[in-house]
Amino acid sequence: MTLTELYRKTLQRLMRLDVGTDPSPDAARLIAGRYASLYTLLFSNNLVSWAFNEEPPDEAEIPLIAMLAFYCAPEFARDPETFKLEGALNLSPREGGPSQTRSRGISS
């Protein structure tokens, strides 16, 4: 996934861009700026394996879109909590997400 695709999918997730259309320059700048902040946060916590200007790995797509949507939600009149939960649920238990037994309601 390219960074352009990440920005486009984030805007689509925020319901601010239709499939097959291009983002406005202002929306693209906002998303790119928030990605820079998010990347810095993830990098400082040793949570990225790619360089800032490189394509994120495919397995990072869903959580990155959710985290980026969380950071951008207020600018697009959306509730950030929706995206915060979505990002956490897509993490593996090893990475801080819920365990499969807990997410399925299985008690130990």
Protein backbone atom coordinates (compact mmCIF):
# COMPACT_ATOMS: atom_id res chain seq x y z
CA MET A 1 0.00 0.00 0.00
CA THR A 2 1.46 3.34 -1.03
CA LEU A 3 1.17 6.40 1.19
CA THR A 4 -1.26 7.91 -1.34
CA GLU A 5 -3.43 4.79 -1.01
CA LEU A 6 -3.21 5.03 2.78
CA TYR A 7 -4.40 8.65 2.69
CA ARG A 8 -7.19 7.82 0.24
CA LYS A 9 -8.39 4.80 2.27
CA THR A 10 -8.32 6.85 5.45
CA LEU A 11 -10.51 9.51 3.87
CA GLN A 12 -12.85 6.81 2.59
CA ARG A 13 -13.02 5.33 6.09
CA LEU A 14 -13.87 8.79 7.42
CA MET A 15 -16.61 8.88 4.75
CA ARG A 16 -15.11 12.00 3.22
CA LEU A 17 -14.07 10.53 -0.13
CA ASP A 18 -15.92 8.37 -2.62
CA VAL A 19 -14.17 5.40 -4.19
CA GLY A 20 -12.52 6.40 -7.46
CA THR A 21 -12.18 10.10 -6.63
CA ASP A 22 -9.17 12.15 -5.59
CA PRO A 23 -8.93 13.96 -2.26
CA SER A 24 -8.95 17.74 -2.16
CA PRO A 25 -5.50 19.31 -1.71
CA ASP A 26 -6.49 20.49 1.79
CA ALA A 27 -7.66 17.02 2.86
CA ALA A 28 -4.52 15.42 1.42
CA ARG A 29 -2.29 17.89 3.29
CA LEU A 30 -4.15 17.30 6.54
CA ILE A 31 -3.91 13.51 6.25
CA ALA A 32 -0.22 13.66 5.25
CA GLY A 33 0.56 15.90 8.22
CA ARG A 34 -1.24 13.62 10.63
CA TYR A 35 0.55 10.61 9.16
CA ALA A 36 3.88 12.34 9.87
CA SER A 37 2.83 12.79 13.52
CA LEU A 38 1.57 9.21 13.77
CA TYR A 39 4.72 7.82 12.19
CA THR A 40 6.88 9.81 14.62
CA LEU A 41 4.89 8.45 17.55
CA LEU A 42 5.12 4.85 16.30
CA PHE A 43 8.82 5.23 15.45
CA SER A 44 9.68 6.67 18.87
CA ASN A 45 8.06 3.60 20.45
CA ASN A 46 9.92 1.25 18.09
CA LEU A 47 6.66 0.12 16.43
CA VAL A 48 7.49 0.59 12.74
CA SER A 49 9.70 -1.47 10.48
CA TRP A 50 9.67 0.88 7.48
CA ALA A 51 11.09 4.32 6.75
CA PHE A 52 8.82 7.37 6.79
CA ASN A 53 8.77 7.74 3.00
CA GLU A 54 8.45 4.00 2.28
CA GLU A 55 5.28 2.01 1.74
CA PRO A 56 3.92 0.55 4.98
CA PRO A 57 3.70 -3.25 4.98
CA ASP A 58 0.37 -4.79 4.01
CA GLU A 59 -0.23 -6.17 7.51
CA ALA A 60 -0.16 -2.63 8.89
CA GLU A 61 -2.91 -1.38 6.55
CA ILE A 62 -5.99 -1.86 8.74
CA PRO A 63 -4.50 -0.58 12.02
CA LEU A 64 -2.79 2.36 10.25
CA ILE A 65 -6.04 3.44 8.61
CA ALA A 66 -7.82 3.20 11.98
CA MET A 67 -5.10 5.15 13.81
CA LEU A 68 -4.90 7.80 11.12
CA ALA A 69 -8.69 8.11 11.06
CA PHE A 70 -8.60 8.51 14.86
CA TYR A 71 -6.14 11.40 14.56
CA CYS A 72 -8.11 13.08 11.76
CA ALA A 73 -11.68 12.40 12.94
CA PRO A 74 -12.31 15.74 14.70
CA GLU A 75 -11.31 17.65 11.56
CA PHE A 76 -14.00 15.74 9.65
CA ALA A 77 -16.70 15.92 12.37
CA ARG A 78 -16.37 12.22 13.25
CA ASP A 79 -16.11 10.55 16.65
CA PRO A 80 -12.48 9.49 17.17
CA GLU A 81 -13.43 6.77 19.66
CA THR A 82 -14.90 4.69 16.83
CA PHE A 83 -11.50 4.44 15.20
CA LYS A 84 -9.58 4.01 18.44
CA LEU A 85 -11.45 0.81 19.24
CA GLU A 86 -11.18 -0.43 15.65
CA GLY A 87 -7.41 0.00 15.66
CA ALA A 88 -6.99 -1.85 18.95
CA LEU A 89 -9.17 -4.75 17.85
CA ASN A 90 -7.01 -5.34 14.81
CA LEU A 91 -3.81 -5.77 16.83
CA SER A 92 -2.62 -9.24 17.74
CA PRO A 93 -2.52 -10.04 21.49
CA ARG A 94 1.27 -9.94 21.30
CA GLU A 95 1.04 -6.34 20.05
CA GLY A 96 -1.44 -5.19 22.68
CA GLY A 97 -4.76 -6.19 21.09
CA PRO A 98 -7.36 -8.44 22.69
CA SER A 99 -6.73 -12.17 22.90
CA GLN A 100 -8.80 -14.45 20.66
CA THR A 101 -10.41 -16.09 23.68
CA ARG A 102 -11.37 -12.77 25.20
CA SER A 103 -12.69 -11.36 21.91
CA ARG A 104 -14.84 -14.47 21.41
CA GLY A 105 -16.19 -14.33 24.96
CA ILE A 106 -14.44 -17.54 26.03
CA SER A 107 -13.39 -17.52 29.65
CA SER A 108 -10.33 -19.35 30.83
